[in-house]
Amino acid sequence: MPNRTVFFISDGTGITAETFGSSILAQFPGKPRKVRRPFIDTIEKARAVVEEINHTANAEGKKPIVFITMATEDVRDIIVDPACAGVVMDMFRTFVEPLEHEFGMKSNHRVGRFSDAAKSEEYNERIEAINFSLAHDDGQSAKNLASADVILVGVSRCGKTPTTLYLAMQHGIKAANYPLIPEDFERGQFPSTLSPYKAKCFGLTIDPERLTQIRNERRPNSKYAALENCRYEVREAESMMKRNGIAWLSSTHKSIEEIAATILRDIRPDKLIY
């Protein structure tokens, strides 16, 4: 696998091909070299990519694996032609054509998730959600929290910001995040700003040893990053969330995708049906 190259080729962004292909590759050990080639939307570009695939095959002595999402047939035909030395996984022909047969209609061969972003209500909702999450990052603003879908709480540097942005970008979720700080622990009370919205709150925690590593990258040799302080903050935050009936999970060994899926399941299950 380390000496194997995988291509993700699309006449759009290539994100779908890469996401699906990477999920399949995750079933196998090893880490291949990955190459994304987006916007291959002309015959000339397709031929150039085939030359690159063939050159890679000759250099490595192994067939590259090629995941493609191509809506334009004459461009796609060049990639799937026997002259291409790669093992081609055509996602459209694998999935779209059987569905055309089942539905009794031709697909629109749309490139990408949004055919016209300016006219897509879903796309505009995602942009609005991203703006909301940025405005409500790290407790910057308490305005409009009533319109939040989710409010993430937890100690500083436990993964709240990347999770809120992922929820906004991928799911159109208006996600705010609010840090639990030492002053909250000294008072022994959940932040009053969040009290009316406990039903929307979801907690993140983290192993203190991992937290001190992350904080030392930002503020080395500080009290903020000291292991004893990290243990104190994590312990107090977990205790506070437990007292207030807030569900939480540890981000230590979980990906953002796993955390987001859990939050949607527990806080906004309606968003899993769309």
Protein backbone atom coordinates (compact mmCIF):
# COMPACT_ATOMS: atom_id res chain seq x y z
CA MET A 1 0.00 0.00 0.00
CA PRO A 2 2.74 2.61 0.69
CA ASN A 3 3.91 2.11 -2.90
CA ARG A 4 0.41 2.31 -4.39
CA THR A 5 -1.19 5.46 -5.79
CA VAL A 6 -4.91 6.19 -5.68
CA PHE A 7 -6.49 8.79 -7.96
CA PHE A 8 -9.74 10.61 -7.25
CA ILE A 9 -10.97 12.09 -10.52
CA SER A 10 -14.07 14.18 -11.14
CA ASP A 11 -15.52 16.79 -13.46
CA GLY A 12 -16.58 18.54 -10.22
CA THR A 13 -14.65 19.14 -7.01
CA GLY A 14 -13.72 15.50 -6.51
CA ILE A 15 -14.92 15.55 -2.91
CA THR A 16 -17.52 12.82 -3.47
CA ALA A 17 -15.03 10.52 -5.18
CA GLU A 18 -12.44 11.12 -2.45
CA THR A 19 -14.89 10.68 0.43
CA PHE A 20 -16.33 7.45 -0.94
CA GLY A 21 -12.97 6.11 -2.11
CA SER A 22 -11.27 6.88 1.19
CA SER A 23 -14.06 5.06 3.06
CA ILE A 24 -13.46 1.99 0.94
CA LEU A 25 -9.68 2.19 1.33
CA ALA A 26 -10.05 2.46 5.11
CA GLN A 27 -11.04 -1.22 5.08
CA PHE A 28 -7.46 -2.11 4.14
CA PRO A 29 -4.23 -1.62 6.09
CA GLY A 30 -1.61 0.79 4.88
CA LYS A 31 -1.61 4.35 3.59
CA PRO A 32 -1.42 4.79 -0.18
CA ARG A 33 -0.36 7.96 -1.97
CA LYS A 34 -3.50 9.92 -2.85
CA VAL A 35 -3.96 12.24 -5.82
CA ARG A 36 -7.09 14.33 -6.39
CA ARG A 37 -7.74 15.67 -9.88
CA PRO A 38 -10.86 17.92 -9.87
CA PHE A 39 -12.58 19.67 -12.79
CA ILE A 40 -11.56 17.14 -15.45
CA ASP A 41 -14.34 18.33 -17.73
CA THR A 42 -12.81 18.20 -21.22
CA ILE A 43 -11.44 15.45 -23.42
CA GLU A 44 -8.02 17.10 -23.36
CA LYS A 45 -7.91 17.12 -19.57
CA ALA A 46 -9.06 13.50 -19.44
CA ARG A 47 -6.29 12.42 -21.80
CA ALA A 48 -3.73 14.27 -19.68
CA VAL A 49 -4.94 12.47 -16.57
CA VAL A 50 -4.75 9.09 -18.32
CA GLU A 51 -1.15 9.89 -19.26
CA GLU A 52 -0.45 10.66 -15.59
CA ILE A 53 -2.09 7.40 -14.49
CA ASN A 54 -0.11 5.39 -17.05
CA HIS A 55 3.14 7.10 -16.08
CA THR A 56 2.44 6.24 -12.43
CA ALA A 57 1.73 2.62 -13.34
CA ASN A 58 5.07 2.36 -15.17
CA ALA A 59 6.99 4.05 -12.37
CA GLU A 60 5.49 1.95 -9.56
CA GLY A 61 5.05 -1.30 -11.42
CA LYS A 62 1.51 -1.56 -10.07
CA LYS A 63 -1.86 -0.42 -11.35
CA PRO A 64 -3.07 2.77 -9.69
CA ILE A 65 -6.55 2.63 -8.17
CA VAL A 66 -8.83 5.22 -9.76
CA PHE A 67 -12.13 6.42 -8.26
CA ILE A 68 -14.14 8.58 -10.65
CA THR A 69 -17.35 10.63 -10.60
CA MET A 70 -17.81 11.80 -14.19
CA ALA A 71 -21.15 13.10 -15.46
CA THR A 72 -19.98 13.82 -19.01
CA GLU A 73 -19.95 10.57 -20.95
CA ASP A 74 -17.36 11.39 -23.63
CA VAL A 75 -14.92 12.55 -20.95
CA ARG A 76 -15.68 9.52 -18.77
CA ASP A 77 -15.17 7.13 -21.69
CA ILE A 78 -11.54 8.21 -21.95
CA ILE A 79 -10.87 7.37 -18.30
CA VAL A 80 -12.58 3.96 -18.45
CA ASP A 81 -10.99 3.03 -21.78
CA PRO A 82 -8.68 -0.05 -21.71
CA ALA A 83 -5.83 2.30 -22.65
CA CYS A 84 -5.95 3.57 -19.06
CA ALA A 85 -3.59 1.47 -16.93
CA GLY A 86 -5.50 2.05 -13.71
CA VAL A 87 -8.10 -0.06 -11.90
CA VAL A 88 -11.07 2.26 -12.46
CA MET A 89 -13.98 2.41 -9.99
CA ASP A 90 -16.77 4.28 -11.78
CA MET A 91 -19.20 5.44 -9.14
CA PHE A 92 -21.78 6.79 -11.59
CA ARG A 93 -22.01 3.59 -13.59
CA THR A 94 -22.01 1.52 -10.41
CA PHE A 95 -24.80 3.44 -8.69
CA VAL A 96 -26.51 5.90 -11.03
CA GLU A 97 -27.24 3.59 -13.97
CA PRO A 98 -28.95 0.88 -11.84
CA LEU A 99 -31.09 3.63 -10.30
CA GLU A 100 -32.00 4.98 -13.73
CA HIS A 101 -33.26 1.50 -14.56
CA GLU A 102 -35.17 1.18 -11.27
CA PHE A 103 -36.76 4.66 -11.46
CA GLY A 104 -37.46 4.36 -15.17
CA MET A 105 -35.85 7.71 -15.95
CA LYS A 106 -32.53 9.23 -16.90
CA SER A 107 -30.51 11.11 -14.31
CA ASN A 108 -29.77 14.79 -14.88
CA HIS A 109 -26.02 14.06 -14.77
CA ARG A 110 -25.58 17.01 -12.48
CA VAL A 111 -22.00 17.79 -11.49
CA GLY A 112 -21.52 18.17 -7.75
CA ARG A 113 -23.93 18.56 -4.88
CA PHE A 114 -25.38 21.88 -6.03
CA SER A 115 -26.10 22.48 -9.72
CA ASP A 116 -26.54 26.22 -9.07
CA ALA A 117 -25.40 27.28 -5.62
CA ALA A 118 -27.01 30.72 -5.90
CA LYS A 119 -30.45 29.14 -6.32
CA SER A 120 -30.06 26.33 -3.78
CA GLU A 121 -31.97 26.78 -0.53
CA GLU A 122 -29.88 24.05 1.09
CA TYR A 123 -26.66 25.79 0.09
CA ASN A 124 -27.86 29.14 1.45
CA GLU A 125 -28.82 27.46 4.73
CA ARG A 126 -25.31 26.06 5.02
CA ILE A 127 -23.76 29.51 4.46
CA GLU A 128 -26.08 30.99 7.10
CA ALA A 129 -25.13 28.21 9.51
CA ILE A 130 -21.41 28.80 8.93
CA ASN A 131 -21.80 32.53 9.59
CA PHE A 132 -23.76 31.75 12.77
CA SER A 133 -21.10 29.33 14.03
CA LEU A 134 -18.30 31.81 13.38
CA ALA A 135 -20.18 34.59 15.19
CA HIS A 136 -20.85 32.32 18.17
CA ASP A 137 -17.41 30.70 18.41
CA ASP A 138 -15.82 30.39 21.85
CA GLY A 139 -18.61 32.31 23.57
CA GLN A 140 -17.98 35.48 21.52
CA SER A 141 -21.67 36.33 21.42
CA ALA A 142 -24.75 35.32 23.36
CA LYS A 143 -27.07 36.93 20.85
CA ASN A 144 -29.63 34.77 19.06
CA LEU A 145 -28.73 31.62 21.02
CA ALA A 146 -32.43 30.82 20.89
CA SER A 147 -32.01 30.16 17.16
CA ALA A 148 -29.07 27.77 17.69
CA ASP A 149 -29.64 24.12 16.85
CA VAL A 150 -26.81 22.98 19.13
CA ILE A 151 -24.58 24.62 21.74
CA LEU A 152 -21.34 22.77 22.49
CA VAL A 153 -19.84 23.23 25.94
CA GLY A 154 -16.55 22.05 27.38
CA VAL A 155 -13.12 23.20 28.50
CA SER A 156 -10.86 25.17 26.21
CA ARG A 157 -9.20 23.17 23.39
CA CYS A 158 -11.35 20.05 23.62
CA GLY A 159 -12.52 20.26 20.00
CA LYS A 160 -15.59 22.50 20.15
CA THR A 161 -14.71 24.88 17.31
CA PRO A 162 -13.86 22.31 14.60
CA THR A 163 -16.97 20.33 15.51
CA THR A 164 -19.29 23.34 15.25
CA LEU A 165 -17.81 24.31 11.90
CA TYR A 166 -18.15 20.75 10.60
CA LEU A 167 -21.79 20.66 11.68
CA ALA A 168 -22.42 23.94 9.89
CA MET A 169 -20.54 23.10 6.70
CA GLN A 170 -21.71 19.54 6.28
CA HIS A 171 -25.18 19.58 7.82
CA GLY A 172 -26.34 23.19 7.84
CA ILE A 173 -26.56 23.10 11.64
CA LYS A 174 -26.43 26.42 13.51
CA ALA A 175 -23.92 25.39 16.14
CA ALA A 176 -22.55 27.69 18.83
CA ASN A 177 -19.84 26.79 21.31
CA TYR A 178 -19.23 28.09 24.79
CA PRO A 179 -16.15 27.40 26.95
CA LEU A 180 -16.43 26.28 30.54
CA ILE A 181 -13.78 28.29 32.40
CA PRO A 182 -12.25 28.22 35.92
CA GLU A 183 -14.59 31.04 37.05
CA ASP A 184 -17.57 28.80 36.27
CA PHE A 185 -16.07 26.03 38.40
CA GLU A 186 -15.35 28.40 41.28
CA ARG A 187 -18.97 29.58 41.26
CA GLY A 188 -20.12 25.99 40.96
CA GLN A 189 -22.85 27.06 38.57
CA PHE A 190 -23.60 26.43 34.94
CA PRO A 191 -23.13 29.68 32.92
CA SER A 192 -26.31 31.73 33.35
CA THR A 193 -26.19 32.69 29.68
CA LEU A 194 -26.75 29.05 28.74
CA SER A 195 -29.26 28.11 31.43
CA PRO A 196 -32.36 28.76 29.25
CA TYR A 197 -30.91 26.56 26.52
CA LYS A 198 -29.79 23.46 28.40
CA ALA A 199 -31.88 21.26 26.11
CA LYS A 200 -29.70 22.39 23.20
CA CYS A 201 -26.40 21.87 25.00
CA PHE A 202 -24.04 19.00 24.33
CA GLY A 203 -20.76 18.54 26.16
CA LEU A 204 -17.31 17.60 24.97
CA THR A 205 -14.60 16.36 27.29
CA ILE A 206 -11.08 15.05 26.74
CA ASP A 207 -8.39 13.08 28.54
CA PRO A 208 -6.31 15.52 30.63
CA GLU A 209 -3.06 14.03 29.29
CA ARG A 210 -4.14 14.78 25.72
CA LEU A 211 -5.42 18.21 26.71
CA THR A 212 -2.10 19.23 28.23
CA GLN A 213 -0.32 18.22 25.00
CA ILE A 214 -2.67 20.38 22.92
CA ARG A 215 -2.46 23.36 25.25
CA ASN A 216 1.34 23.19 25.45
CA GLU A 217 1.46 23.67 21.68
CA ARG A 218 -0.36 26.96 22.16
CA ARG A 219 0.99 28.18 25.51
CA PRO A 220 3.97 26.05 26.57
CA ASN A 221 4.95 25.78 30.24
CA SER A 222 1.92 27.78 31.39
CA LYS A 223 -0.52 27.06 34.21
CA TYR A 224 -3.18 26.86 31.50
CA ALA A 225 -1.34 23.87 29.98
CA ALA A 226 -0.16 22.23 33.21
CA LEU A 227 -1.33 18.65 33.64
CA GLU A 228 -2.69 19.25 37.14
CA ASN A 229 -4.75 22.21 35.91
CA CYS A 230 -6.05 20.20 32.95
CA ARG A 231 -7.09 17.41 35.32
CA TYR A 232 -8.90 19.93 37.50
CA GLU A 233 -10.76 21.60 34.62
CA VAL A 234 -11.80 18.33 32.99
CA ARG A 235 -12.99 16.89 36.31
CA GLU A 236 -14.98 20.01 37.18
CA ALA A 237 -16.46 20.32 33.69
CA GLU A 238 -17.63 16.70 33.66
CA SER A 239 -19.11 17.11 37.13
CA MET A 240 -20.93 20.29 36.08
CA MET A 241 -22.36 18.67 32.95
CA LYS A 242 -23.49 15.65 34.94
CA ARG A 243 -25.24 17.83 37.55
CA ASN A 244 -27.07 19.74 34.85
CA GLY A 245 -28.17 16.69 32.88
CA ILE A 246 -26.09 17.53 29.81
CA ALA A 247 -25.04 14.61 27.60
CA TRP A 248 -21.34 14.54 26.76
CA LEU A 249 -18.65 12.43 25.18
CA SER A 250 -14.88 12.40 24.98
CA SER A 251 -13.21 13.77 21.87
CA THR A 252 -9.91 12.06 22.72
CA HIS A 253 -10.21 9.12 20.35
CA LYS A 254 -13.18 10.16 18.21
CA SER A 255 -13.16 11.86 14.83
CA ILE A 256 -15.13 15.04 14.18
CA GLU A 257 -17.44 13.00 11.97
CA GLU A 258 -18.21 10.58 14.81
CA ILE A 259 -18.80 13.41 17.28
CA ALA A 260 -21.09 15.23 14.84
CA ALA A 261 -23.12 12.10 14.14
CA THR A 262 -23.61 11.53 17.88
CA ILE A 263 -24.71 15.13 18.41
CA LEU A 264 -27.22 14.93 15.57
CA ARG A 265 -28.58 11.66 16.91
CA ASP A 266 -29.01 13.00 20.44
CA ILE A 267 -29.88 16.68 19.91
CA ARG A 268 -31.34 17.03 16.40
CA PRO A 269 -32.48 13.59 15.18
CA ASP A 270 -34.82 15.36 12.75
CA LYS A 271 -31.73 16.50 10.84
CA LEU A 272 -30.95 12.88 10.04
CA ILE A 273 -34.11 12.80 7.93
CA TYR A 274 -33.96 15.20 4.99
